[in-house]
Amino acid sequence: MAIGTPVLYPALANIKAKEYQPPFYDMVPHDPSFEIMKEVVCVQQKRPTFPNEWSNNKLLQGMMVIIKECWSQNAAARLTSLRVDKKLTKLLTDCKSPVVVSEVEQDIMDLLKPS
């Protein structure tokens, strides 16, 4: 199953949007030429930056990892669409699942349960 906007929206709904900034807005002039973009992306190997807020959200952290893997300079190392789909599915599953509790924590919780 492909991951689409209807699936991601509920997970991201509580994140406040900022004013739109185009990719590379802080690295190139407004409406850059093809030559300028080629220099920045291919020669300097720059990539757009992520908002700091993404670091505080498990789902967005996972998205950053996937996006960065798609931006690899080495074409053979980039994720295929199937791998992106599988990684997104796993990320959403992991973000929906309850926090994993260690055996020690579980033992303590069991001891505290009323009989």
PDB file of N, CA and C in Angstrom:
ATOM      1  N   MET A   1       0.839  -1.186   0.000  1.00  0.00           N
ATOM      2  CA  MET A   1       0.000   0.000   0.000  1.00  0.00           C
ATOM      3  C   MET A   1       0.877   1.240   0.000  1.00  0.00           C
ATOM      4  N   ALA A   2       0.602   2.172  -0.841  1.00  0.00           N
ATOM      5  CA  ALA A   2       1.390   3.407  -0.902  1.00  0.00           C
ATOM      6  C   ALA A   2       0.990   4.329   0.242  1.00  0.00           C
ATOM      7  N   ILE A   3       1.976   5.021   0.767  1.00  0.00           N
ATOM      8  CA  ILE A   3       1.722   5.977   1.835  1.00  0.00           C
ATOM      9  C   ILE A   3       1.366   7.304   1.191  1.00  0.00           C
ATOM     10  N   GLY A   4       0.229   7.855   1.550  1.00  0.00           N
ATOM     11  CA  GLY A   4      -0.195   9.108   0.946  1.00  0.00           C
ATOM     12  C   GLY A   4      -0.604  10.118   1.992  1.00  0.00           C
ATOM     13  N   THR A   5      -1.061  11.258   1.519  1.00  0.00           N
ATOM     14  CA  THR A   5      -1.463  12.345   2.398  1.00  0.00           C
ATOM     15  C   THR A   5      -2.515  11.925   3.413  1.00  0.00           C
ATOM     16  N   PRO A   6      -3.548  11.138   3.067  1.00  0.00           N
ATOM     17  CA  PRO A   6      -4.543  10.766   4.070  1.00  0.00           C
ATOM     18  C   PRO A   6      -3.951   9.977   5.234  1.00  0.00           C
ATOM     19  N   VAL A   7      -2.863   9.258   5.006  1.00  0.00           N
ATOM     20  CA  VAL A   7      -2.251   8.476   6.072  1.00  0.00           C
ATOM     21  C   VAL A   7      -1.329   9.349   6.915  1.00  0.00           C
ATOM     22  N   LEU A   8      -0.539  10.210   6.274  1.00  0.00           N
ATOM     23  CA  LEU A   8       0.427  11.028   6.997  1.00  0.00           C
ATOM     24  C   LEU A   8      -0.230  12.211   7.706  1.00  0.00           C
ATOM     25  N   TYR A   9      -1.309  12.742   7.161  1.00  0.00           N
ATOM     26  CA  TYR A   9      -1.901  13.944   7.732  1.00  0.00           C
ATOM     27  C   TYR A   9      -2.229  13.823   9.217  1.00  0.00           C
ATOM     28  N   PRO A  10      -2.930  12.771   9.660  1.00  0.00           N
ATOM     29  CA  PRO A  10      -3.254  12.705  11.086  1.00  0.00           C
ATOM     30  C   PRO A  10      -2.001  12.675  11.976  1.00  0.00           C
ATOM     31  N   ALA A  11      -0.948  12.058  11.503  1.00  0.00           N
ATOM     32  CA  ALA A  11       0.275  11.976  12.298  1.00  0.00           C
ATOM     33  C   ALA A  11       0.974  13.324  12.380  1.00  0.00           C
ATOM     34  N   LEU A  12       0.781  14.175  11.388  1.00  0.00           N
ATOM     35  CA  LEU A  12       1.472  15.457  11.338  1.00  0.00           C
ATOM     36  C   LEU A  12       0.556  16.638  11.661  1.00  0.00           C
ATOM     37  N   ALA A  13      -0.703  16.390  11.971  1.00  0.00           N
ATOM     38  CA  ALA A  13      -1.687  17.456  12.119  1.00  0.00           C
ATOM     39  C   ALA A  13      -1.368  18.442  13.237  1.00  0.00           C
ATOM     40  N   ASN A  14      -0.682  18.011  14.274  1.00  0.00           N
ATOM     41  CA  ASN A  14      -0.395  18.900  15.401  1.00  0.00           C
ATOM     42  C   ASN A  14       0.855  19.753  15.210  1.00  0.00           C
ATOM     43  N   ILE A  15       1.503  19.628  14.085  1.00  0.00           N
ATOM     44  CA  ILE A  15       2.716  20.393  13.822  1.00  0.00           C
ATOM     45  C   ILE A  15       2.318  21.706  13.171  1.00  0.00           C
ATOM     46  N   LYS A  16       2.794  22.797  13.733  1.00  0.00           N
ATOM     47  CA  LYS A  16       2.424  24.110  13.216  1.00  0.00           C
ATOM     48  C   LYS A  16       3.254  24.441  11.985  1.00  0.00           C
ATOM     49  N   ALA A  17       2.578  24.909  10.959  1.00  0.00           N
ATOM     50  CA  ALA A  17       3.245  25.255   9.708  1.00  0.00           C
ATOM     51  C   ALA A  17       3.893  26.622   9.812  1.00  0.00           C
ATOM     52  N   LYS A  18       5.023  26.751   9.169  1.00  0.00           N
ATOM     53  CA  LYS A  18       5.691  28.045   9.073  1.00  0.00           C
ATOM     54  C   LYS A  18       5.405  28.621   7.701  1.00  0.00           C
ATOM     55  N   GLU A  19       5.752  29.872   7.522  1.00  0.00           N
ATOM     56  CA  GLU A  19       5.598  30.491   6.213  1.00  0.00           C
ATOM     57  C   GLU A  19       6.448  29.723   5.208  1.00  0.00           C
ATOM     58  N   TYR A  20       5.917  29.504   4.029  1.00  0.00           N
ATOM     59  CA  TYR A  20       6.614  28.726   3.011  1.00  0.00           C
ATOM     60  C   TYR A  20       7.930  29.386   2.614  1.00  0.00           C
ATOM     61  N   GLN A  21       8.957  28.563   2.543  1.00  0.00           N
ATOM     62  CA  GLN A  21      10.249  28.966   2.011  1.00  0.00           C
ATOM     63  C   GLN A  21      10.655  27.919   0.975  1.00  0.00           C
ATOM     64  N   PRO A  22      11.007  28.333  -0.235  1.00  0.00           N
ATOM     65  CA  PRO A  22      11.405  27.333  -1.236  1.00  0.00           C
ATOM     66  C   PRO A  22      12.711  26.654  -0.837  1.00  0.00           C
ATOM     67  N   PRO A  23      12.943  25.451  -1.336  1.00  0.00           N
ATOM     68  CA  PRO A  23      14.213  24.786  -1.040  1.00  0.00           C
ATOM     69  C   PRO A  23      15.394  25.660  -1.470  1.00  0.00           C
ATOM     70  N   PHE A  24      16.441  25.632  -0.707  1.00  0.00           N
ATOM     71  CA  PHE A  24      17.673  26.378  -0.984  1.00  0.00           C
ATOM     72  C   PHE A  24      17.484  27.888  -0.871  1.00  0.00           C
ATOM     73  N   TYR A  25      16.387  28.353  -0.253  1.00  0.00           N
ATOM     74  CA  TYR A  25      16.132  29.794  -0.161  1.00  0.00           C
ATOM     75  C   TYR A  25      17.273  30.546   0.501  1.00  0.00           C
ATOM     76  N   ASP A  26      17.997  29.859   1.387  1.00  0.00           N
ATOM     77  CA  ASP A  26      19.089  30.514   2.111  1.00  0.00           C
ATOM     78  C   ASP A  26      20.443  30.329   1.418  1.00  0.00           C
ATOM     79  N   MET A  27      20.446  29.683   0.244  1.00  0.00           N
ATOM     80  CA  MET A  27      21.703  29.407  -0.457  1.00  0.00           C
ATOM     81  C   MET A  27      21.777  30.014  -1.854  1.00  0.00           C
ATOM     82  N   VAL A  28      20.634  30.367  -2.413  1.00  0.00           N
ATOM     83  CA  VAL A  28      20.608  30.891  -3.788  1.00  0.00           C
ATOM     84  C   VAL A  28      19.706  32.128  -3.839  1.00  0.00           C
ATOM     85  N   PRO A  29      19.877  32.953  -4.888  1.00  0.00           N
ATOM     86  CA  PRO A  29      18.990  34.118  -5.024  1.00  0.00           C
ATOM     87  C   PRO A  29      17.582  33.689  -5.421  1.00  0.00           C
ATOM     88  N   HIS A  30      16.651  34.604  -5.311  1.00  0.00           N
ATOM     89  CA  HIS A  30      15.274  34.359  -5.731  1.00  0.00           C
ATOM     90  C   HIS A  30      15.275  34.004  -7.210  1.00  0.00           C
ATOM     91  N   ASP A  31      14.538  32.971  -7.594  1.00  0.00           N
ATOM     92  CA  ASP A  31      14.432  32.515  -8.979  1.00  0.00           C
ATOM     93  C   ASP A  31      15.813  32.238  -9.589  1.00  0.00           C
ATOM     94  N   PRO A  32      16.553  31.288  -9.017  1.00  0.00           N
ATOM     95  CA  PRO A  32      17.910  31.015  -9.515  1.00  0.00           C
ATOM     96  C   PRO A  32      17.908  30.343 -10.887  1.00  0.00           C
ATOM     97  N   SER A  33      18.971  30.530 -11.607  1.00  0.00           N
ATOM     98  CA  SER A  33      19.108  29.907 -12.925  1.00  0.00           C
ATOM     99  C   SER A  33      19.475  28.434 -12.760  1.00  0.00           C
ATOM    100  N   PHE A  34      19.372  27.689 -13.847  1.00  0.00           N
ATOM    101  CA  PHE A  34      19.757  26.281 -13.850  1.00  0.00           C
ATOM    102  C   PHE A  34      21.230  26.146 -13.479  1.00  0.00           C
ATOM    103  N   GLU A  35      22.072  27.026 -13.993  1.00  0.00           N
ATOM    104  CA  GLU A  35      23.510  26.970 -13.730  1.00  0.00           C
ATOM    105  C   GLU A  35      23.813  27.166 -12.245  1.00  0.00           C
ATOM    106  N   ILE A  36      23.129  28.087 -11.603  1.00  0.00           N
ATOM    107  CA  ILE A  36      23.327  28.323 -10.166  1.00  0.00           C
ATOM    108  C   ILE A  36      22.906  27.092  -9.371  1.00  0.00           C
ATOM    109  N   MET A  37      21.760  26.515  -9.715  1.00  0.00           N
ATOM    110  CA  MET A  37      21.288  25.329  -9.000  1.00  0.00           C
ATOM    111  C   MET A  37      22.228  24.144  -9.229  1.00  0.00           C
ATOM    112  N   LYS A  38      22.733  24.001 -10.445  1.00  0.00           N
ATOM    113  CA  LYS A  38      23.691  22.929 -10.737  1.00  0.00           C
ATOM    114  C   LYS A  38      24.939  23.091  -9.883  1.00  0.00           C
ATOM    115  N   GLU A  39      25.422  24.302  -9.748  1.00  0.00           N
ATOM    116  CA  GLU A  39      26.602  24.577  -8.921  1.00  0.00           C
ATOM    117  C   GLU A  39      26.342  24.209  -7.459  1.00  0.00           C
ATOM    118  N   VAL A  40      25.207  24.640  -6.932  1.00  0.00           N
ATOM    119  CA  VAL A  40      24.895  24.403  -5.517  1.00  0.00           C
ATOM    120  C   VAL A  40      24.651  22.916  -5.232  1.00  0.00           C
ATOM    121  N   VAL A  41      23.839  22.260  -6.056  1.00  0.00           N
ATOM    122  CA  VAL A  41      23.443  20.870  -5.792  1.00  0.00           C
ATOM    123  C   VAL A  41      24.494  19.866  -6.247  1.00  0.00           C
ATOM    124  N   CYS A  42      25.013  20.026  -7.442  1.00  0.00           N
ATOM    125  CA  CYS A  42      25.928  19.018  -7.999  1.00  0.00           C
ATOM    126  C   CYS A  42      27.382  19.244  -7.616  1.00  0.00           C
ATOM    127  N   VAL A  43      27.842  20.482  -7.695  1.00  0.00           N
ATOM    128  CA  VAL A  43      29.256  20.758  -7.429  1.00  0.00           C
ATOM    129  C   VAL A  43      29.506  20.902  -5.927  1.00  0.00           C
ATOM    130  N   GLN A  44      28.727  21.772  -5.273  1.00  0.00           N
ATOM    131  CA  GLN A  44      28.919  21.999  -3.828  1.00  0.00           C
ATOM    132  C   GLN A  44      28.246  20.912  -2.986  1.00  0.00           C
ATOM    133  N   GLN A  45      27.397  20.099  -3.608  1.00  0.00           N
ATOM    134  CA  GLN A  45      26.687  19.000  -2.957  1.00  0.00           C
ATOM    135  C   GLN A  45      25.858  19.458  -1.746  1.00  0.00           C
ATOM    136  N   LYS A  46      25.221  20.600  -1.863  1.00  0.00           N
ATOM    137  CA  LYS A  46      24.366  21.136  -0.794  1.00  0.00           C
ATOM    138  C   LYS A  46      22.987  20.511  -0.883  1.00  0.00           C
ATOM    139  N   ARG A  47      22.317  20.461   0.236  1.00  0.00           N
ATOM    140  CA  ARG A  47      20.945  19.977   0.313  1.00  0.00           C
ATOM    141  C   ARG A  47      20.136  20.962   1.161  1.00  0.00           C
ATOM    142  N   PRO A  48      18.810  21.022   0.946  1.00  0.00           N
ATOM    143  CA  PRO A  48      17.992  21.916   1.774  1.00  0.00           C
ATOM    144  C   PRO A  48      18.121  21.554   3.249  1.00  0.00           C
ATOM    145  N   THR A  49      17.947  22.541   4.098  1.00  0.00           N
ATOM    146  CA  THR A  49      18.005  22.304   5.542  1.00  0.00           C
ATOM    147  C   THR A  49      16.612  21.945   6.057  1.00  0.00           C
ATOM    148  N   PHE A  50      16.588  21.263   7.197  1.00  0.00           N
ATOM    149  CA  PHE A  50      15.326  20.900   7.839  1.00  0.00           C
ATOM    150  C   PHE A  50      15.064  21.852   9.006  1.00  0.00           C
ATOM    151  N   PRO A  51      13.798  22.140   9.279  1.00  0.00           N
ATOM    152  CA  PRO A  51      13.484  22.973  10.449  1.00  0.00           C
ATOM    153  C   PRO A  51      13.946  22.278  11.732  1.00  0.00           C
ATOM    154  N   ASN A  52      14.407  23.062  12.693  1.00  0.00           N
ATOM    155  CA  ASN A  52      14.867  22.511  13.977  1.00  0.00           C
ATOM    156  C   ASN A  52      13.768  21.725  14.691  1.00  0.00           C
ATOM    157  N   GLU A  53      12.513  22.125  14.502  1.00  0.00           N
ATOM    158  CA  GLU A  53      11.395  21.472  15.170  1.00  0.00           C
ATOM    159  C   GLU A  53      11.295  19.989  14.791  1.00  0.00           C
ATOM    160  N   TRP A  54      11.797  19.625  13.635  1.00  0.00           N
ATOM    161  CA  TRP A  54      11.723  18.230  13.189  1.00  0.00           C
ATOM    162  C   TRP A  54      12.517  17.315  14.108  1.00  0.00           C
ATOM    163  N   SER A  55      13.521  17.845  14.780  1.00  0.00           N
ATOM    164  CA  SER A  55      14.357  17.034  15.665  1.00  0.00           C
ATOM    165  C   SER A  55      13.607  16.600  16.923  1.00  0.00           C
ATOM    166  N   ASN A  56      12.504  17.260  17.242  1.00  0.00           N
ATOM    167  CA  ASN A  56      11.749  16.976  18.463  1.00  0.00           C
ATOM    168  C   ASN A  56      10.588  16.015  18.244  1.00  0.00           C
ATOM    169  N   ASN A  57      10.451  15.486  17.041  1.00  0.00           N
ATOM    170  CA  ASN A  57       9.303  14.649  16.708  1.00  0.00           C
ATOM    171  C   ASN A  57       9.810  13.343  16.091  1.00  0.00           C
ATOM    172  N   LYS A  58       9.438  12.216  16.680  1.00  0.00           N
ATOM    173  CA  LYS A  58       9.928  10.914  16.222  1.00  0.00           C
ATOM    174  C   LYS A  58       9.581  10.658  14.758  1.00  0.00           C
ATOM    175  N   LEU A  59       8.370  10.995  14.365  1.00  0.00           N
ATOM    176  CA  LEU A  59       7.944  10.773  12.986  1.00  0.00           C
ATOM    177  C   LEU A  59       8.780  11.619  12.027  1.00  0.00           C
ATOM    178  N   LEU A  60       8.957  12.899  12.353  1.00  0.00           N
ATOM    179  CA  LEU A  60       9.708  13.778  11.471  1.00  0.00           C
ATOM    180  C   LEU A  60      11.194  13.431  11.452  1.00  0.00           C
ATOM    181  N   GLN A  61      11.725  12.953  12.570  1.00  0.00           N
ATOM    182  CA  GLN A  61      13.119  12.490  12.580  1.00  0.00           C
ATOM    183  C   GLN A  61      13.287  11.343  11.591  1.00  0.00           C
ATOM    184  N   GLY A  62      12.346  10.410  11.614  1.00  0.00           N
ATOM    185  CA  GLY A  62      12.382   9.288  10.682  1.00  0.00           C
ATOM    186  C   GLY A  62      12.248   9.750   9.240  1.00  0.00           C
ATOM    187  N   MET A  63      11.393  10.744   9.008  1.00  0.00           N
ATOM    188  CA  MET A  63      11.232  11.296   7.665  1.00  0.00           C
ATOM    189  C   MET A  63      12.536  11.927   7.189  1.00  0.00           C
ATOM    190  N   MET A  64      13.229  12.640   8.085  1.00  0.00           N
ATOM    191  CA  MET A  64      14.509  13.254   7.717  1.00  0.00           C
ATOM    192  C   MET A  64      15.509  12.198   7.264  1.00  0.00           C
ATOM    193  N   VAL A  65      15.569  11.098   7.985  1.00  0.00           N
ATOM    194  CA  VAL A  65      16.500  10.019   7.632  1.00  0.00           C
ATOM    195  C   VAL A  65      16.180   9.484   6.236  1.00  0.00           C
ATOM    196  N   ILE A  66      14.909   9.234   5.979  1.00  0.00           N
ATOM    197  CA  ILE A  66      14.496   8.707   4.672  1.00  0.00           C
ATOM    198  C   ILE A  66      14.816   9.704   3.560  1.00  0.00           C
ATOM    199  N   ILE A  67      14.499  10.965   3.784  1.00  0.00           N
ATOM    200  CA  ILE A  67      14.765  11.998   2.777  1.00  0.00           C
ATOM    201  C   ILE A  67      16.257  12.090   2.483  1.00  0.00           C
ATOM    202  N   LYS A  68      17.070  12.093   3.539  1.00  0.00           N
ATOM    203  CA  LYS A  68      18.524  12.184   3.337  1.00  0.00           C
ATOM    204  C   LYS A  68      19.057  10.983   2.563  1.00  0.00           C
ATOM    205  N   GLU A  69      18.487   9.809   2.794  1.00  0.00           N
ATOM    206  CA  GLU A  69      18.904   8.628   2.044  1.00  0.00           C
ATOM    207  C   GLU A  69      18.532   8.767   0.559  1.00  0.00           C
ATOM    208  N   CYS A  70      17.456   9.462   0.267  1.00  0.00           N
ATOM    209  CA  CYS A  70      17.054   9.687  -1.125  1.00  0.00           C
ATOM    210  C   CYS A  70      17.946  10.726  -1.803  1.00  0.00           C
ATOM    211  N   TRP A  71      18.640  11.541  -1.028  1.00  0.00           N
ATOM    212  CA  TRP A  71      19.489  12.604  -1.569  1.00  0.00           C
ATOM    213  C   TRP A  71      20.942  12.186  -1.745  1.00  0.00           C
ATOM    214  N   SER A  72      21.267  10.940  -1.568  1.00  0.00           N
ATOM    215  CA  SER A  72      22.657  10.491  -1.648  1.00  0.00           C
ATOM    216  C   SER A  72      23.284  10.900  -2.976  1.00  0.00           C
ATOM    217  N   GLN A  73      24.544  11.342  -2.928  1.00  0.00           N
ATOM    218  CA  GLN A  73      25.276  11.680  -4.155  1.00  0.00           C
ATOM    219  C   GLN A  73      25.478  10.437  -5.014  1.00  0.00           C
ATOM    220  N   ASN A  74      25.620   9.291  -4.360  1.00  0.00           N
ATOM    221  CA  ASN A  74      25.818   8.021  -5.055  1.00  0.00           C
ATOM    222  C   ASN A  74      24.447   7.483  -5.459  1.00  0.00           C
ATOM    223  N   ALA A  75      24.172   7.478  -6.754  1.00  0.00           N
ATOM    224  CA  ALA A  75      22.857   7.048  -7.242  1.00  0.00           C
ATOM    225  C   ALA A  75      22.514   5.630  -6.809  1.00  0.00           C
ATOM    226  N   ALA A  76      23.499   4.758  -6.756  1.00  0.00           N
ATOM    227  CA  ALA A  76      23.245   3.361  -6.365  1.00  0.00           C
ATOM    228  C   ALA A  76      22.852   3.242  -4.899  1.00  0.00           C
ATOM    229  N   ALA A  77      23.220   4.232  -4.095  1.00  0.00           N
ATOM    230  CA  ALA A  77      22.906   4.194  -2.666  1.00  0.00           C
ATOM    231  C   ALA A  77      21.528   4.785  -2.345  1.00  0.00           C
ATOM    232  N   ARG A  78      20.906   5.457  -3.318  1.00  0.00           N
ATOM    233  CA  ARG A  78      19.591   6.061  -3.082  1.00  0.00           C
ATOM    234  C   ARG A  78      18.527   4.981  -2.920  1.00  0.00           C
ATOM    235  N   LEU A  79      17.521   5.310  -2.132  1.00  0.00           N
ATOM    236  CA  LEU A  79      16.429   4.364  -1.904  1.00  0.00           C
ATOM    237  C   LEU A  79      15.568   4.210  -3.153  1.00  0.00           C
ATOM    238  N   THR A  80      15.116   2.989  -3.389  1.00  0.00           N
ATOM    239  CA  THR A  80      14.138   2.759  -4.457  1.00  0.00           C
ATOM    240  C   THR A  80      12.766   3.168  -3.924  1.00  0.00           C
ATOM    241  N   SER A  81      11.799   3.305  -4.807  1.00  0.00           N
ATOM    242  CA  SER A  81      10.454   3.673  -4.357  1.00  0.00           C
ATOM    243  C   SER A  81       9.869   2.584  -3.455  1.00  0.00           C
ATOM    244  N   LEU A  82      10.163   1.326  -3.743  1.00  0.00           N
ATOM    245  CA  LEU A  82       9.683   0.239  -2.888  1.00  0.00           C
ATOM    246  C   LEU A  82      10.294   0.351  -1.486  1.00  0.00           C
ATOM    247  N   ARG A  83      11.591   0.640  -1.400  1.00  0.00           N
ATOM    248  CA  ARG A  83      12.257   0.772  -0.103  1.00  0.00           C
ATOM    249  C   ARG A  83      11.704   1.973   0.662  1.00  0.00           C
ATOM    250  N   VAL A  84      11.424   3.082  -0.046  1.00  0.00           N
ATOM    251  CA  VAL A  84      10.827   4.257   0.604  1.00  0.00           C
ATOM    252  C   VAL A  84       9.472   3.877   1.180  1.00  0.00           C
ATOM    253  N   ASP A  85       8.658   3.170   0.395  1.00  0.00           N
ATOM    254  CA  ASP A  85       7.336   2.741   0.863  1.00  0.00           C
ATOM    255  C   ASP A  85       7.456   1.872   2.120  1.00  0.00           C
ATOM    256  N   LYS A  86       8.386   0.919   2.104  1.00  0.00           N
ATOM    257  CA  LYS A  86       8.551   0.026   3.256  1.00  0.00           C
ATOM    258  C   LYS A  86       9.047   0.791   4.481  1.00  0.00           C
ATOM    259  N   LYS A  87       9.981   1.716   4.272  1.00  0.00           N
ATOM    260  CA  LYS A  87      10.501   2.490   5.402  1.00  0.00           C
ATOM    261  C   LYS A  87       9.419   3.405   5.989  1.00  0.00           C
ATOM    262  N   LEU A  88       8.614   4.022   5.121  1.00  0.00           N
ATOM    263  CA  LEU A  88       7.530   4.878   5.612  1.00  0.00           C
ATOM    264  C   LEU A  88       6.487   4.061   6.372  1.00  0.00           C
ATOM    265  N   THR A  89       6.148   2.897   5.843  1.00  0.00           N
ATOM    266  CA  THR A  89       5.182   2.027   6.520  1.00  0.00           C
ATOM    267  C   THR A  89       5.694   1.629   7.896  1.00  0.00           C
ATOM    268  N   LYS A  90       6.968   1.233   7.977  1.00  0.00           N
ATOM    269  CA  LYS A  90       7.561   0.851   9.257  1.00  0.00           C
ATOM    270  C   LYS A  90       7.606   2.039  10.214  1.00  0.00           C
ATOM    271  N   LEU A  91       7.971   3.210   9.702  1.00  0.00           N
ATOM    272  CA  LEU A  91       8.029   4.410  10.536  1.00  0.00           C
ATOM    273  C   LEU A  91       6.660   4.724  11.127  1.00  0.00           C
ATOM    274  N   LEU A  92       5.621   4.664  10.304  1.00  0.00           N
ATOM    275  CA  LEU A  92       4.275   4.947  10.805  1.00  0.00           C
ATOM    276  C   LEU A  92       3.831   3.901  11.822  1.00  0.00           C
ATOM    277  N   THR A  93       4.167   2.641  11.577  1.00  0.00           N
ATOM    278  CA  THR A  93       3.834   1.575  12.525  1.00  0.00           C
ATOM    279  C   THR A  93       4.553   1.802  13.850  1.00  0.00           C
ATOM    280  N   ASP A  94       5.842   2.133  13.780  1.00  0.00           N
ATOM    281  CA  ASP A  94       6.624   2.372  14.987  1.00  0.00           C
ATOM    282  C   ASP A  94       6.090   3.564  15.774  1.00  0.00           C
ATOM    283  N   CYS A  95       5.656   4.598  15.065  1.00  0.00           N
ATOM    284  CA  CYS A  95       5.153   5.797  15.743  1.00  0.00           C
ATOM    285  C   CYS A  95       3.781   5.578  16.364  1.00  0.00           C
ATOM    286  N   LYS A  96       3.017   4.633  15.835  1.00  0.00           N
ATOM    287  CA  LYS A  96       1.687   4.342  16.383  1.00  0.00           C
ATOM    288  C   LYS A  96       1.757   3.368  17.552  1.00  0.00           C
ATOM    289  N   SER A  97       2.804   2.532  17.587  1.00  0.00           N
ATOM    290  CA  SER A  97       2.873   1.495  18.620  1.00  0.00           C
ATOM    291  C   SER A  97       3.205   2.104  19.970  1.00  0.00           C
ATOM    292  N   PRO A  98       2.751   1.469  21.062  1.00  0.00           N
ATOM    293  CA  PRO A  98       3.051   1.985  22.396  1.00  0.00           C
ATOM    294  C   PRO A  98       4.538   1.864  22.674  1.00  0.00           C
ATOM    295  N   VAL A  99       4.985   2.631  23.648  1.00  0.00           N
ATOM    296  CA  VAL A  99       6.390   2.626  24.037  1.00  0.00           C
ATOM    297  C   VAL A  99       6.785   1.236  24.506  1.00  0.00           C
ATOM    298  N   VAL A 100       7.914   0.756  24.042  1.00  0.00           N
ATOM    299  CA  VAL A 100       8.407  -0.558  24.446  1.00  0.00           C
ATOM    300  C   VAL A 100       8.952  -0.444  25.863  1.00  0.00           C
ATOM    301  N   VAL A 101       8.552  -1.382  26.701  1.00  0.00           N
ATOM    302  CA  VAL A 101       8.949  -1.374  28.104  1.00  0.00           C
ATOM    303  C   VAL A 101       9.947  -2.506  28.326  1.00  0.00           C
ATOM    304  N   SER A 102      11.014  -2.207  29.075  1.00  0.00           N
ATOM    305  CA  SER A 102      12.006  -3.238  29.359  1.00  0.00           C
ATOM    306  C   SER A 102      11.420  -4.278  30.305  1.00  0.00           C
ATOM    307  N   GLU A 103      12.075  -5.437  30.400  1.00  0.00           N
ATOM    308  CA  GLU A 103      11.608  -6.502  31.295  1.00  0.00           C
ATOM    309  C   GLU A 103      11.598  -6.039  32.747  1.00  0.00           C
ATOM    310  N   VAL A 104      12.611  -5.306  33.136  1.00  0.00           N
ATOM    311  CA  VAL A 104      12.686  -4.811  34.520  1.00  0.00           C
ATOM    312  C   VAL A 104      11.516  -3.873  34.799  1.00  0.00           C
ATOM    313  N   GLU A 105      11.257  -2.934  33.871  1.00  0.00           N
ATOM    314  CA  GLU A 105      10.126  -2.022  34.046  1.00  0.00           C
ATOM    315  C   GLU A 105       8.812  -2.787  34.106  1.00  0.00           C
ATOM    316  N   GLN A 106       8.681  -3.819  33.267  1.00  0.00           N
ATOM    317  CA  GLN A 106       7.460  -4.623  33.263  1.00  0.00           C
ATOM    318  C   GLN A 106       7.301  -5.344  34.596  1.00  0.00           C
ATOM    319  N   ASP A 107       8.388  -5.898  35.151  1.00  0.00           N
ATOM    320  CA  ASP A 107       8.340  -6.571  36.454  1.00  0.00           C
ATOM    321  C   ASP A 107       7.889  -5.614  37.545  1.00  0.00           C
ATOM    322  N   ILE A 108       8.415  -4.402  37.505  1.00  0.00           N
ATOM    323  CA  ILE A 108       8.027  -3.402  38.511  1.00  0.00           C
ATOM    324  C   ILE A 108       6.553  -3.056  38.366  1.00  0.00           C
ATOM    325  N   MET A 109       6.089  -2.878  37.128  1.00  0.00           N
ATOM    326  CA  MET A 109       4.675  -2.556  36.906  1.00  0.00           C
ATOM    327  C   MET A 109       3.783  -3.703  37.374  1.00  0.00           C
ATOM    328  N   ASP A 110       4.220  -4.934  37.151  1.00  0.00           N
ATOM    329  CA  ASP A 110       3.456  -6.102  37.614  1.00  0.00           C
ATOM    330  C   ASP A 110       3.364  -6.128  39.121  1.00  0.00           C
ATOM    331  N   LEU A 111       4.447  -5.777  39.813  1.00  0.00           N
ATOM    332  CA  LEU A 111       4.456  -5.755  41.286  1.00  0.00           C
ATOM    333  C   LEU A 111       3.525  -4.679  41.839  1.00  0.00           C
ATOM    334  N   LEU A 112       3.392  -3.588  41.089  1.00  0.00           N
ATOM    335  CA  LEU A 112       2.567  -2.468  41.560  1.00  0.00           C
ATOM    336  C   LEU A 112       1.088  -2.636  41.246  1.00  0.00           C
ATOM    337  N   LYS A 113       0.743  -3.597  40.391  1.00  0.00           N
ATOM    338  CA  LYS A 113      -0.655  -3.825  40.050  1.00  0.00           C
ATOM    339  C   LYS A 113      -1.429  -4.282  41.277  1.00  0.00           C
ATOM    340  N   PRO A 114      -2.631  -3.770  41.477  1.00  0.00           N
ATOM    341  CA  PRO A 114      -3.440  -4.268  42.580  1.00  0.00           C
ATOM    342  C   PRO A 114      -3.855  -5.711  42.319  1.00  0.00           C
ATOM    343  N   SER A 115      -3.882  -6.509  43.362  1.00  0.00           N
ATOM    344  CA  SER A 115      -4.222  -7.936  43.219  1.00  0.00           C
ATOM    345  C   SER A 115      -5.696  -8.140  43.056  1.00  0.00           C
TER     346      SER A 115
END
